[in-house]
Amino acid sequence: METIGAQLKNIRKKKGLTLSELAKTSDVSLSFLSKIERDINTPTIAVLQKLCNALNISINDLISNAHQSPCVKKVNRKPIYENSDSLYEQATPPNEFLKGDILTIFPNSEIKTYEHVFDEVGLILEGSINIILDGMEYNLSEGDTIYVRKGTDHIIKNMSDTENCITYWVKAILPVIQ
């Protein structure tokens, strides 16, 4: 399986962009982008989102091995990103119009997500979160949903001291018409 850096480089080249052009449109420094593509540095989710927005793709598009089946078993989910605050896993086959991710937010953690180029819907599967959209805070528990419009920064907080919050996010990635 190709690394995220190799995938970024392949997608950038397929779109006919230079490193400089992608760095400028994504607001990621040229040197850092070069190091990501060469697998010297690992990008944060925020940096990945900036790069994906500039490339008009989702983070799932960075995963190269397409599933042969329309089903993704829990044991076969591909981790997209993990850090001390959260774990993102691919919940749908890659390169499809609808994308689904499982986001597990660890106890006492906060995630700032930057504006996307797509709308998304979040469903709380386990636990509860506070989410801030446009300055308004919403408390969501198991079974609740939230709609986030494209271009909206949002902050997701798991206020629990002991429990993970597991959420499912679906977004529609529209193909680029040339």
Foldseek 3Di string as FASTA:
>chain_A
DDDLLCLLVVLCVVVVHDLVRLCVQLVNDSVVNVCSNVVNDDDDVQSVQSSCQSSLHDLLSSDPDFDPDQAADPVRWAWSDDDPFWTKTWGGTGPDQKTKIKIKGFEFHKDKHFFHPWKKKKAWQAAWKWKAWPNDIDIDHHGDMDIGGGRIIMMIGRHHRHDIIIMMMMIGRDDDDD
